[in-house]
Amino acid sequence: MSTSPTAGPPGQSGRSGDTGRSASPSGDAGAPPSASPSPSPPGSGAEGVVLRDTSRRTGAAREAGVNDFPELRGVRVGIHDTYDRVVFDFDEGTPRFVAEYVDTLHQDGSGDVIPLKGDQDLKISFLRSVPATDFDDGGKSTPVIRELRLVSYFEGETLFGVGVDPEGDGPAGFRVTTGKNKIILDISHRTAG
């Protein structure tokens, strides 16, 4: 089964105070998250943080059984002083994930090219997960996150594309953290260079 809903006009953005645990940079998708410091809530002095790392991120499943497929229930987008945040909410635990910039975004199964608004394509895949039957990506966007799209669900992998248009030339730094039943993607307002 494969789906490809499209994102609509901007909306549903605002401050998001979710915090989480940092995930490991590139490596095995089954590797445990690193012990990097987690982002702090708004108002704690962390708003001026500058994200410069653009490398691939992976993270292990948390609080989900070996045979479980956490269900993706919703997605929220928030704007912070120096980065924008996307929060993926799951029902129980979080799945393994891989997040990285790609030259071209392809839909799983068909291989179709999926164009996104913005200068850079960031993909995040959730392995052994399933979107809720009524899941809607809602067309959420910000000035930096130009498009957020559920690209496909195929053979247990849920794939999202994030069209990013930061200030400057090149990809924006990003980080992925995990919290209870959520995976949090932060994307810098400026390019990493």
C-alpha atoms as a PDB file:
ATOM      1  CA  MET A   1       0.000   0.000   0.000  1.00  0.00           C
ATOM      2  CA  SER A   2       1.322   3.431  -0.890  1.00  0.00           C
ATOM      3  CA  THR A   3      -0.123   6.878  -0.328  1.00  0.00           C
ATOM      4  CA  SER A   4       0.889  10.300  -1.492  1.00  0.00           C
ATOM      5  CA  PRO A   5      -1.268  13.059  -0.018  1.00  0.00           C
ATOM      6  CA  THR A   6      -0.327  16.598  -0.872  1.00  0.00           C
ATOM      7  CA  ALA A   7       0.238  19.434   1.545  1.00  0.00           C
ATOM      8  CA  GLY A   8      -1.990  22.462   1.383  1.00  0.00           C
ATOM      9  CA  PRO A   9      -1.558  26.107   2.420  1.00  0.00           C
ATOM     10  CA  PRO A  10       0.478  27.179   5.466  1.00  0.00           C
ATOM     11  CA  GLY A  11      -1.178  26.792   8.828  1.00  0.00           C
ATOM     12  CA  GLN A  12      -1.093  25.282  12.279  1.00  0.00           C
ATOM     13  CA  SER A  13       2.259  26.761  13.205  1.00  0.00           C
ATOM     14  CA  GLY A  14       3.206  28.164  16.567  1.00  0.00           C
ATOM     15  CA  ARG A  15       5.527  27.617  19.507  1.00  0.00           C
ATOM     16  CA  SER A  16       6.165  24.015  20.430  1.00  0.00           C
ATOM     17  CA  GLY A  17       7.788  23.347  23.791  1.00  0.00           C
ATOM     18  CA  ASP A  18       8.380  19.627  23.325  1.00  0.00           C
ATOM     19  CA  THR A  19      11.722  18.402  24.545  1.00  0.00           C
ATOM     20  CA  GLY A  20      13.399  15.098  23.870  1.00  0.00           C
ATOM     21  CA  ARG A  21      16.558  13.048  23.842  1.00  0.00           C
ATOM     22  CA  SER A  22      19.104  13.493  21.065  1.00  0.00           C
ATOM     23  CA  ALA A  23      19.509  10.764  18.499  1.00  0.00           C
ATOM     24  CA  SER A  24      22.784   9.466  17.182  1.00  0.00           C
ATOM     25  CA  PRO A  25      24.362  10.915  14.059  1.00  0.00           C
ATOM     26  CA  SER A  26      24.941   8.599  11.110  1.00  0.00           C
ATOM     27  CA  GLY A  27      25.307   4.934  11.822  1.00  0.00           C
ATOM     28  CA  ASP A  28      23.286   1.775  12.256  1.00  0.00           C
ATOM     29  CA  ALA A  29      19.548   2.370  12.492  1.00  0.00           C
ATOM     30  CA  GLY A  30      19.437  -0.098  15.377  1.00  0.00           C
ATOM     31  CA  ALA A  31      22.047   1.780  17.393  1.00  0.00           C
ATOM     32  CA  PRO A  32      20.826   3.387  20.626  1.00  0.00           C
ATOM     33  CA  PRO A  33      20.417   7.168  20.740  1.00  0.00           C
ATOM     34  CA  SER A  34      23.466   9.081  21.905  1.00  0.00           C
ATOM     35  CA  ALA A  35      23.668  10.817  25.233  1.00  0.00           C
ATOM     36  CA  SER A  36      23.851  14.271  23.623  1.00  0.00           C
ATOM     37  CA  PRO A  37      22.112  17.013  25.573  1.00  0.00           C
ATOM     38  CA  SER A  38      18.441  17.410  24.811  1.00  0.00           C
ATOM     39  CA  PRO A  39      16.896  20.656  23.616  1.00  0.00           C
ATOM     40  CA  SER A  40      15.582  22.871  26.381  1.00  0.00           C
ATOM     41  CA  PRO A  41      12.081  24.252  26.598  1.00  0.00           C
ATOM     42  CA  PRO A  42      11.372  27.786  25.356  1.00  0.00           C
ATOM     43  CA  GLY A  43      12.432  30.498  27.772  1.00  0.00           C
ATOM     44  CA  SER A  44      15.313  28.446  29.185  1.00  0.00           C
ATOM     45  CA  GLY A  45      18.050  30.210  27.195  1.00  0.00           C
ATOM     46  CA  ALA A  46      18.188  27.536  24.470  1.00  0.00           C
ATOM     47  CA  GLU A  47      16.305  29.661  21.929  1.00  0.00           C
ATOM     48  CA  GLY A  48      19.596  31.058  20.549  1.00  0.00           C
ATOM     49  CA  VAL A  49      20.905  27.586  19.694  1.00  0.00           C
ATOM     50  CA  VAL A  50      22.517  27.285  16.263  1.00  0.00           C
ATOM     51  CA  LEU A  51      22.143  23.949  14.483  1.00  0.00           C
ATOM     52  CA  ARG A  52      25.021  23.345  12.048  1.00  0.00           C
ATOM     53  CA  ASP A  53      25.188  19.562  11.624  1.00  0.00           C
ATOM     54  CA  THR A  54      23.678  18.286   8.365  1.00  0.00           C
ATOM     55  CA  SER A  55      24.773  14.628   8.641  1.00  0.00           C
ATOM     56  CA  ARG A  56      22.480  11.609   8.532  1.00  0.00           C
ATOM     57  CA  ARG A  57      20.700  10.735  11.798  1.00  0.00           C
ATOM     58  CA  THR A  58      19.402   7.394  12.985  1.00  0.00           C
ATOM     59  CA  GLY A  59      17.672   6.249  16.142  1.00  0.00           C
ATOM     60  CA  ALA A  60      16.501   3.017  17.714  1.00  0.00           C
ATOM     61  CA  ALA A  61      12.912   2.217  18.638  1.00  0.00           C
ATOM     62  CA  ARG A  62      11.985   3.218  22.177  1.00  0.00           C
ATOM     63  CA  GLU A  63       9.359   1.750  24.472  1.00  0.00           C
ATOM     64  CA  ALA A  64       7.962  -0.364  21.638  1.00  0.00           C
ATOM     65  CA  GLY A  65       8.032  -4.158  21.555  1.00  0.00           C
ATOM     66  CA  VAL A  66       9.972  -6.080  18.912  1.00  0.00           C
ATOM     67  CA  ASN A  67       6.781  -6.941  17.029  1.00  0.00           C
ATOM     68  CA  ASP A  68       5.062  -3.594  17.576  1.00  0.00           C
ATOM     69  CA  PHE A  69       4.355  -1.020  14.877  1.00  0.00           C
ATOM     70  CA  PRO A  70       3.810   2.312  16.669  1.00  0.00           C
ATOM     71  CA  GLU A  71       0.945   4.201  15.055  1.00  0.00           C
ATOM     72  CA  LEU A  72       1.608   7.774  13.895  1.00  0.00           C
ATOM     73  CA  ARG A  73      -1.286   9.792  15.305  1.00  0.00           C
ATOM     74  CA  GLY A  74      -0.402  13.368  14.395  1.00  0.00           C
ATOM     75  CA  VAL A  75       2.193  15.919  13.390  1.00  0.00           C
ATOM     76  CA  ARG A  76       2.727  19.431  14.778  1.00  0.00           C
ATOM     77  CA  VAL A  77       4.884  22.299  13.544  1.00  0.00           C
ATOM     78  CA  GLY A  78       6.281  25.106  15.711  1.00  0.00           C
ATOM     79  CA  ILE A  79       8.441  28.182  15.126  1.00  0.00           C
ATOM     80  CA  HIS A  80      11.315  29.047  17.495  1.00  0.00           C
ATOM     81  CA  ASP A  81      13.833  31.916  17.430  1.00  0.00           C
ATOM     82  CA  THR A  82      16.571  30.108  15.452  1.00  0.00           C
ATOM     83  CA  TYR A  83      14.934  26.862  14.311  1.00  0.00           C
ATOM     84  CA  ASP A  84      11.577  25.351  13.427  1.00  0.00           C
ATOM     85  CA  ARG A  85      10.281  22.163  15.003  1.00  0.00           C
ATOM     86  CA  VAL A  86       8.244  19.254  13.659  1.00  0.00           C
ATOM     87  CA  VAL A  87       6.835  16.846  16.257  1.00  0.00           C
ATOM     88  CA  PHE A  88       5.639  13.402  15.148  1.00  0.00           C
ATOM     89  CA  ASP A  89       3.268  11.940  17.773  1.00  0.00           C
ATOM     90  CA  PHE A  90       2.921   8.152  18.098  1.00  0.00           C
ATOM     91  CA  ASP A  91       0.457   6.094  20.126  1.00  0.00           C
ATOM     92  CA  GLU A  92       2.868   3.869  22.097  1.00  0.00           C
ATOM     93  CA  GLY A  93       6.633   4.223  21.964  1.00  0.00           C
ATOM     94  CA  THR A  94       8.577   5.380  18.917  1.00  0.00           C
ATOM     95  CA  PRO A  95       9.851   3.444  15.890  1.00  0.00           C
ATOM     96  CA  ARG A  96      13.381   3.311  14.483  1.00  0.00           C
ATOM     97  CA  PHE A  97      14.051   6.245  12.181  1.00  0.00           C
ATOM     98  CA  VAL A  98      16.473   7.584   9.594  1.00  0.00           C
ATOM     99  CA  ALA A  99      16.674  11.295   8.693  1.00  0.00           C
ATOM    100  CA  GLU A 100      18.887  12.725   5.943  1.00  0.00           C
ATOM    101  CA  TYR A 101      19.086  15.210   3.097  1.00  0.00           C
ATOM    102  CA  VAL A 102      18.586  13.719  -0.374  1.00  0.00           C
ATOM    103  CA  ASP A 103      19.157  15.099  -3.863  1.00  0.00           C
ATOM    104  CA  THR A 104      15.874  13.608  -5.050  1.00  0.00           C
ATOM    105  CA  LEU A 105      12.980  12.294  -2.974  1.00  0.00           C
ATOM    106  CA  HIS A 106      11.484   9.031  -4.248  1.00  0.00           C
ATOM    107  CA  GLN A 107       8.221   7.436  -3.213  1.00  0.00           C
ATOM    108  CA  ASP A 108       8.702   3.955  -1.732  1.00  0.00           C
ATOM    109  CA  GLY A 109       7.304   1.161  -3.889  1.00  0.00           C
ATOM    110  CA  SER A 110       6.725   3.094  -7.115  1.00  0.00           C
ATOM    111  CA  GLY A 111      10.041   4.974  -7.164  1.00  0.00           C
ATOM    112  CA  ASP A 112       8.217   8.073  -8.423  1.00  0.00           C
ATOM    113  CA  VAL A 113      10.060  11.356  -7.899  1.00  0.00           C
ATOM    114  CA  ILE A 114       8.264  13.544  -5.334  1.00  0.00           C
ATOM    115  CA  PRO A 115       8.987  17.266  -5.794  1.00  0.00           C
ATOM    116  CA  LEU A 116       8.780  19.439  -2.687  1.00  0.00           C
ATOM    117  CA  LYS A 117       8.673  23.209  -2.258  1.00  0.00           C
ATOM    118  CA  GLY A 118      11.951  24.661  -0.979  1.00  0.00           C
ATOM    119  CA  ASP A 119      15.642  24.474  -1.913  1.00  0.00           C
ATOM    120  CA  GLN A 120      16.522  21.293   0.013  1.00  0.00           C
ATOM    121  CA  ASP A 121      14.770  17.939   0.524  1.00  0.00           C
ATOM    122  CA  LEU A 122      15.048  16.360   3.960  1.00  0.00           C
ATOM    123  CA  LYS A 123      13.519  12.924   4.359  1.00  0.00           C
ATOM    124  CA  ILE A 124      12.648  11.132   7.553  1.00  0.00           C
ATOM    125  CA  SER A 125      11.655   7.470   7.491  1.00  0.00           C
ATOM    126  CA  PHE A 126       9.953   5.656  10.337  1.00  0.00           C
ATOM    127  CA  LEU A 127      10.711   1.928  10.182  1.00  0.00           C
ATOM    128  CA  ARG A 128       8.144  -0.568  11.477  1.00  0.00           C
ATOM    129  CA  SER A 129       5.459   2.058  11.943  1.00  0.00           C
ATOM    130  CA  VAL A 130       2.062   2.792  10.471  1.00  0.00           C
ATOM    131  CA  PRO A 131       0.134   6.059  10.042  1.00  0.00           C
ATOM    132  CA  ALA A 132      -3.330   6.150  11.628  1.00  0.00           C
ATOM    133  CA  THR A 133      -6.095   5.488   9.088  1.00  0.00           C
ATOM    134  CA  ASP A 134      -7.316   9.077   9.453  1.00  0.00           C
ATOM    135  CA  PHE A 135      -3.821  10.625   9.509  1.00  0.00           C
ATOM    136  CA  ASP A 136      -3.552  13.967   7.709  1.00  0.00           C
ATOM    137  CA  ASP A 137      -0.276  15.862   7.306  1.00  0.00           C
ATOM    138  CA  GLY A 138      -2.436  18.990   7.276  1.00  0.00           C
ATOM    139  CA  GLY A 139      -0.350  21.121   4.929  1.00  0.00           C
ATOM    140  CA  LYS A 140       1.646  22.558   7.811  1.00  0.00           C
ATOM    141  CA  SER A 141       4.512  24.872   6.898  1.00  0.00           C
ATOM    142  CA  THR A 142       6.642  27.807   8.087  1.00  0.00           C
ATOM    143  CA  PRO A 143       8.889  30.263   6.209  1.00  0.00           C
ATOM    144  CA  VAL A 144      11.755  27.713   6.521  1.00  0.00           C
ATOM    145  CA  ILE A 145       9.747  24.471   6.324  1.00  0.00           C
ATOM    146  CA  ARG A 146       8.101  25.141   2.981  1.00  0.00           C
ATOM    147  CA  GLU A 147       6.337  21.789   2.731  1.00  0.00           C
ATOM    148  CA  LEU A 148       5.767  18.785   4.967  1.00  0.00           C
ATOM    149  CA  ARG A 149       4.360  15.773   3.185  1.00  0.00           C
ATOM    150  CA  LEU A 150       3.532  12.172   4.001  1.00  0.00           C
ATOM    151  CA  VAL A 151       5.184  10.707   0.896  1.00  0.00           C
ATOM    152  CA  SER A 152       4.342   7.039   1.327  1.00  0.00           C
ATOM    153  CA  TYR A 153       3.577   4.102   3.553  1.00  0.00           C
ATOM    154  CA  PHE A 154       5.004   0.919   2.064  1.00  0.00           C
ATOM    155  CA  GLU A 155       5.927  -2.428   3.645  1.00  0.00           C
ATOM    156  CA  GLY A 156       6.023  -1.062   7.184  1.00  0.00           C
ATOM    157  CA  GLU A 157       7.975   2.107   6.384  1.00  0.00           C
ATOM    158  CA  THR A 158       6.381   5.540   6.718  1.00  0.00           C
ATOM    159  CA  LEU A 159       8.255   8.163   4.692  1.00  0.00           C
ATOM    160  CA  PHE A 160       7.984  11.936   5.110  1.00  0.00           C
ATOM    161  CA  GLY A 161       9.518  14.649   2.966  1.00  0.00           C
ATOM    162  CA  VAL A 162      10.326  18.087   4.340  1.00  0.00           C
ATOM    163  CA  GLY A 163      10.991  20.860   1.822  1.00  0.00           C
ATOM    164  CA  VAL A 164      13.434  23.270   3.492  1.00  0.00           C
ATOM    165  CA  ASP A 165      14.257  26.821   2.410  1.00  0.00           C
ATOM    166  CA  PRO A 166      16.736  28.300   4.933  1.00  0.00           C
ATOM    167  CA  GLU A 167      18.488  31.669   4.810  1.00  0.00           C
ATOM    168  CA  GLY A 168      21.684  31.311   2.744  1.00  0.00           C
ATOM    169  CA  ASP A 169      22.896  28.693   0.273  1.00  0.00           C
ATOM    170  CA  GLY A 170      22.992  24.999   1.117  1.00  0.00           C
ATOM    171  CA  PRO A 171      21.275  22.728   3.627  1.00  0.00           C
ATOM    172  CA  ALA A 172      20.215  23.853   7.084  1.00  0.00           C
ATOM    173  CA  GLY A 173      21.553  22.126  10.176  1.00  0.00           C
ATOM    174  CA  PHE A 174      19.101  19.802  11.880  1.00  0.00           C
ATOM    175  CA  ARG A 175      18.743  17.488  14.855  1.00  0.00           C
ATOM    176  CA  VAL A 176      16.384  14.691  15.807  1.00  0.00           C
ATOM    177  CA  THR A 177      15.431  13.980  19.403  1.00  0.00           C
ATOM    178  CA  THR A 178      13.022  11.531  20.972  1.00  0.00           C
ATOM    179  CA  GLY A 179      10.589  11.933  23.821  1.00  0.00           C
ATOM    180  CA  LYS A 180       7.823   9.801  25.241  1.00  0.00           C
ATOM    181  CA  ASN A 181       5.786   8.708  22.223  1.00  0.00           C
ATOM    182  CA  LYS A 182       7.254  11.394  19.958  1.00  0.00           C
ATOM    183  CA  ILE A 183      10.089  12.065  17.534  1.00  0.00           C
ATOM    184  CA  ILE A 184      11.141  15.703  17.232  1.00  0.00           C
ATOM    185  CA  LEU A 185      12.848  17.200  14.177  1.00  0.00           C
ATOM    186  CA  ASP A 186      14.435  20.657  14.570  1.00  0.00           C
ATOM    187  CA  ILE A 187      15.615  22.525  11.467  1.00  0.00           C
ATOM    188  CA  SER A 188      17.756  25.678  11.601  1.00  0.00           C
ATOM    189  CA  HIS A 189      16.583  28.917  10.021  1.00  0.00           C
ATOM    190  CA  ARG A 190      20.051  29.360   8.450  1.00  0.00           C
ATOM    191  CA  THR A 191      22.257  27.158   6.325  1.00  0.00           C
ATOM    192  CA  ALA A 192      25.017  25.221   8.050  1.00  0.00           C
ATOM    193  CA  GLY A 193      27.834  26.944   6.092  1.00  0.00           C
END
